[in-house]
């Protein structure tokens, strides 16, 4: 049973991030490089912008990745790193020995932690896209909004006994930030429909060009 809990919670927490990596990053070596760099350090906006300009100088014929793409890769990398650090100890405890809930704690602790890790990872992706857009357009209220929502979600972890309130509010924020990031990235209802039907390959992140 402990092995089932371990792998189940691991796939819940990191499965979507792994899928995003496989389908949107793994096929492009440059994106892999940016992701690896983000896993080992903070990726600052100006640094990534300079790196993008440097790639154009080194190889003018190669299309440099757009800032939106770099924001996505940066957010995913930081989200994975944040999820690993916040969940790895809890995940290792799921292998035993011991029984969760024996002293009155919630028996769904591991499952709740997995879903919370998932929302944190996805939020970092959306925060990265919105934050980079705010930096590029110099709209400081956007940066403040990202910081405040980040603080709000983080403080919700203090509501440990009230997992329902914690998760529901965190997922509501994730959906709202996801919609915002989608609009910032140039998405629309029509483009979303075409993308889901695989009829607009230019809109897919894998084929996104510099903007």
Protein backbone atom coordinates (compact mmCIF):
# COMPACT_ATOMS: atom_id res chain seq x y z
CA UNK A 1 0.00 0.00 0.00
CA UNK A 2 2.86 2.38 0.77
CA UNK A 3 4.32 1.88 -2.73
CA UNK A 4 0.93 2.65 -4.28
CA UNK A 5 0.64 5.85 -2.25
CA UNK A 6 4.19 6.83 -3.17
CA UNK A 7 3.82 6.39 -6.92
CA UNK A 8 0.25 7.70 -6.99
CA UNK A 9 1.16 10.92 -5.20
CA UNK A 10 4.34 11.30 -7.26
CA UNK A 11 2.41 11.07 -10.54
CA UNK A 12 -0.26 13.47 -9.28
CA UNK A 13 2.30 16.06 -8.23
CA UNK A 14 4.80 15.77 -11.09
CA UNK A 15 2.88 14.01 -13.89
CA UNK A 16 1.53 17.16 -15.60
CA UNK A 17 4.92 18.87 -15.37
CA UNK A 18 6.57 15.81 -16.90
CA UNK A 19 4.01 15.80 -19.71
CA UNK A 20 4.65 19.49 -20.41
CA UNK A 21 8.37 18.78 -20.56
CA UNK A 22 7.99 15.83 -22.93
CA UNK A 23 5.59 17.50 -25.37
CA UNK A 24 6.82 21.11 -25.35
CA UNK A 25 10.49 21.16 -24.32
CA UNK A 26 12.27 17.83 -24.80
CA UNK A 27 12.33 18.06 -28.61
CA UNK A 28 14.22 21.38 -28.61
CA UNK A 29 17.79 21.33 -27.20
CA UNK A 30 17.75 25.09 -26.57
CA UNK A 31 14.67 24.81 -24.41
CA UNK A 32 16.23 21.94 -22.50
CA UNK A 33 19.28 24.12 -21.81
CA UNK A 34 17.13 26.93 -20.44
CA UNK A 35 15.17 24.47 -18.31
CA UNK A 36 18.32 22.91 -16.85
CA UNK A 37 19.72 26.36 -16.14
CA UNK A 38 16.52 27.27 -14.32
CA UNK A 39 16.69 24.12 -12.22
CA UNK A 40 20.02 25.25 -10.77
CA UNK A 41 19.51 28.99 -10.38
CA UNK A 42 16.98 31.81 -10.56
CA UNK A 43 16.44 33.00 -14.14
CA UNK A 44 16.20 36.77 -14.22
CA UNK A 45 14.35 38.58 -16.98
CA UNK A 46 17.26 40.73 -18.15
CA UNK A 47 19.64 37.77 -18.17
CA UNK A 48 17.35 35.71 -20.37
CA UNK A 49 16.78 38.67 -22.68
CA UNK A 50 20.55 39.11 -23.10
CA UNK A 51 20.91 35.39 -23.76
CA UNK A 52 18.26 35.59 -26.46
CA UNK A 53 20.05 38.52 -28.09
CA UNK A 54 23.35 36.62 -27.90
CA UNK A 55 21.85 33.66 -29.75
CA UNK A 56 20.86 35.95 -32.61
CA UNK A 57 24.43 37.25 -32.86
CA UNK A 58 26.01 33.78 -32.78
CA UNK A 59 23.62 32.28 -35.31
CA UNK A 60 21.58 34.91 -37.18
CA UNK A 61 19.74 32.26 -39.22
CA UNK A 62 18.46 30.49 -36.12
CA UNK A 63 15.18 31.84 -34.81
CA UNK A 64 15.70 32.90 -31.21
CA UNK A 65 13.05 31.79 -28.74
CA UNK A 66 10.47 34.41 -27.82
CA UNK A 67 10.35 35.94 -24.37
CA UNK A 68 6.99 34.24 -23.83
CA UNK A 69 8.59 30.90 -24.50
CA UNK A 70 11.49 31.69 -22.18
CA UNK A 71 9.00 32.74 -19.52
CA UNK A 72 7.18 29.43 -19.90
CA UNK A 73 10.36 27.36 -19.68
CA UNK A 74 11.63 29.44 -16.76
CA UNK A 75 8.35 29.08 -14.89
CA UNK A 76 8.19 25.34 -15.48
CA UNK A 77 11.78 24.85 -14.33
CA UNK A 78 11.30 26.88 -11.18
CA UNK A 79 7.98 25.16 -10.51
CA UNK A 80 9.54 21.72 -10.73
CA UNK A 81 12.36 22.76 -8.43
CA UNK A 82 9.90 24.27 -5.95
CA UNK A 83 7.74 21.15 -6.05
CA UNK A 84 10.68 18.82 -5.49
CA UNK A 85 11.95 20.75 -2.48
CA UNK A 86 8.50 21.09 -0.91
CA UNK A 87 7.27 17.53 -1.50
CA UNK A 88 10.25 15.18 -1.60
CA UNK A 89 10.44 14.69 2.17
CA UNK A 90 6.70 14.12 2.45
CA UNK A 91 6.86 11.71 -0.46
CA UNK A 92 9.66 9.71 1.13
CA UNK A 93 7.64 9.45 4.36
CA UNK A 94 4.81 7.80 2.44
CA UNK A 95 7.00 4.70 2.08
CA UNK A 96 6.70 4.15 5.83
CA UNK A 97 7.05 3.06 8.47
CA UNK A 98 4.04 4.55 10.22
CA UNK A 99 0.38 5.26 9.55
CA UNK A 100 -0.96 8.70 8.72
CA UNK A 101 -3.97 9.66 10.80
CA UNK A 102 -3.24 7.39 13.75
CA UNK A 103 -3.06 10.43 16.08
CA UNK A 104 -6.09 12.21 14.68
CA UNK A 105 -4.43 13.72 11.63
CA UNK A 106 -6.05 13.58 8.22
CA UNK A 107 -5.53 10.21 6.48
CA UNK A 108 -5.54 12.13 3.18
CA UNK A 109 -2.42 14.10 4.07
CA UNK A 110 -0.25 12.66 1.29
CA UNK A 111 -2.98 13.06 -1.33
CA UNK A 112 -3.66 16.66 -0.32
CA UNK A 113 0.06 17.43 -0.36
CA UNK A 114 0.34 15.97 -3.87
CA UNK A 115 -2.49 18.10 -5.23
CA UNK A 116 -1.06 21.18 -3.52
CA UNK A 117 2.35 20.51 -5.08
CA UNK A 118 0.68 20.18 -8.47
CA UNK A 119 -1.05 23.55 -8.15
CA UNK A 120 2.19 25.21 -7.01
CA UNK A 121 4.06 23.87 -10.06
CA UNK A 122 1.37 25.02 -12.49
CA UNK A 123 1.11 28.40 -10.78
CA UNK A 124 4.82 28.98 -11.25
CA UNK A 125 4.34 28.39 -14.98
CA UNK A 126 1.51 30.93 -15.15
CA UNK A 127 3.27 33.37 -12.82
CA UNK A 128 6.37 33.21 -15.01
CA UNK A 129 4.45 34.09 -18.18
CA UNK A 130 2.51 36.94 -16.57
CA UNK A 131 5.56 38.25 -14.69
CA UNK A 132 7.75 38.38 -17.80
CA UNK A 133 4.96 40.15 -19.69
CA UNK A 134 4.76 42.75 -16.92
CA UNK A 135 8.52 43.28 -17.04
CA UNK A 136 8.53 43.60 -20.82
CA UNK A 137 5.66 46.11 -20.85
CA UNK A 138 6.84 47.82 -17.63
CA UNK A 139 3.45 47.41 -16.00
CA UNK A 140 4.42 47.22 -12.36
CA UNK A 141 0.92 46.48 -11.10
CA UNK A 142 1.20 43.12 -12.86
CA UNK A 143 4.36 42.32 -10.93
CA UNK A 144 2.63 43.33 -7.70
CA UNK A 145 -0.34 41.09 -8.52
CA UNK A 146 1.95 38.12 -9.12
CA UNK A 147 3.77 38.74 -5.84
CA UNK A 148 0.54 39.13 -3.87
CA UNK A 149 -1.05 35.95 -5.28
CA UNK A 150 2.20 34.11 -4.60
CA UNK A 151 2.09 35.33 -1.01
CA UNK A 152 -1.59 34.43 -0.70
CA UNK A 153 -1.12 30.85 -1.90
CA UNK A 154 1.93 30.43 0.33
CA UNK A 155 0.11 31.65 3.44
CA UNK A 156 -2.72 29.21 2.74
CA UNK A 157 -0.41 26.37 3.67
CA UNK A 158 -0.89 27.46 7.28
CA UNK A 159 -4.48 26.21 6.96
CA UNK A 160 -3.20 22.65 7.28
CA UNK A 161 -6.24 21.11 9.03
CA UNK A 162 -8.61 22.73 6.50
CA UNK A 163 -7.45 21.03 3.33
CA UNK A 164 -10.71 21.62 1.45
CA UNK A 165 -10.53 25.40 1.86
CA UNK A 166 -6.81 25.42 1.07
CA UNK A 167 -7.04 23.38 -2.12
CA UNK A 168 -10.22 24.97 -3.48
CA UNK A 169 -8.93 28.52 -3.05
CA UNK A 170 -5.52 27.60 -4.48
CA UNK A 171 -7.09 25.97 -7.56
CA UNK A 172 -9.35 28.97 -8.09
CA UNK A 173 -6.28 31.21 -8.14
CA UNK A 174 -4.55 28.75 -10.50
CA UNK A 175 -7.47 28.84 -12.96
CA UNK A 176 -7.60 32.64 -12.92
CA UNK A 177 -3.83 32.93 -13.40
CA UNK A 178 -3.99 30.31 -16.15
CA UNK A 179 -6.59 32.32 -18.04
CA UNK A 180 -4.51 35.48 -17.60
CA UNK A 181 -1.37 33.72 -18.86
CA UNK A 182 -3.29 32.31 -21.81
CA UNK A 183 -4.50 35.77 -22.84
CA UNK A 184 -1.03 37.28 -22.32
CA UNK A 185 0.47 34.59 -24.56
CA UNK A 186 -1.87 35.67 -27.37
CA UNK A 187 -4.54 33.05 -26.90
CA UNK A 188 -8.21 33.34 -27.81
CA UNK A 189 -11.26 31.09 -27.86
CA UNK A 190 -10.73 30.42 -31.55
CA UNK A 191 -7.03 29.64 -31.19
CA UNK A 192 -7.77 27.37 -28.21
CA UNK A 193 -10.33 25.44 -30.23
CA UNK A 194 -7.97 25.06 -33.19
CA UNK A 195 -5.12 24.05 -30.88
CA UNK A 196 -7.21 21.35 -29.15
CA UNK A 197 -8.24 20.05 -32.57
CA UNK A 198 -4.58 20.18 -33.75
CA UNK A 199 -5.64 22.38 -36.67
CA UNK A 200 -3.43 25.39 -35.87
CA UNK A 201 0.12 24.15 -35.55
CA UNK A 202 1.55 27.68 -35.48
CA UNK A 203 -0.22 28.29 -32.18
CA UNK A 204 1.24 25.24 -30.51
CA UNK A 205 4.08 26.09 -28.14
CA UNK A 206 6.38 23.64 -29.90
CA UNK A 207 6.18 25.67 -33.07
CA UNK A 208 6.01 29.10 -31.44
CA UNK A 209 8.14 31.69 -33.16
CA UNK A 210 9.82 34.74 -31.71
CA UNK A 211 7.44 37.66 -31.23
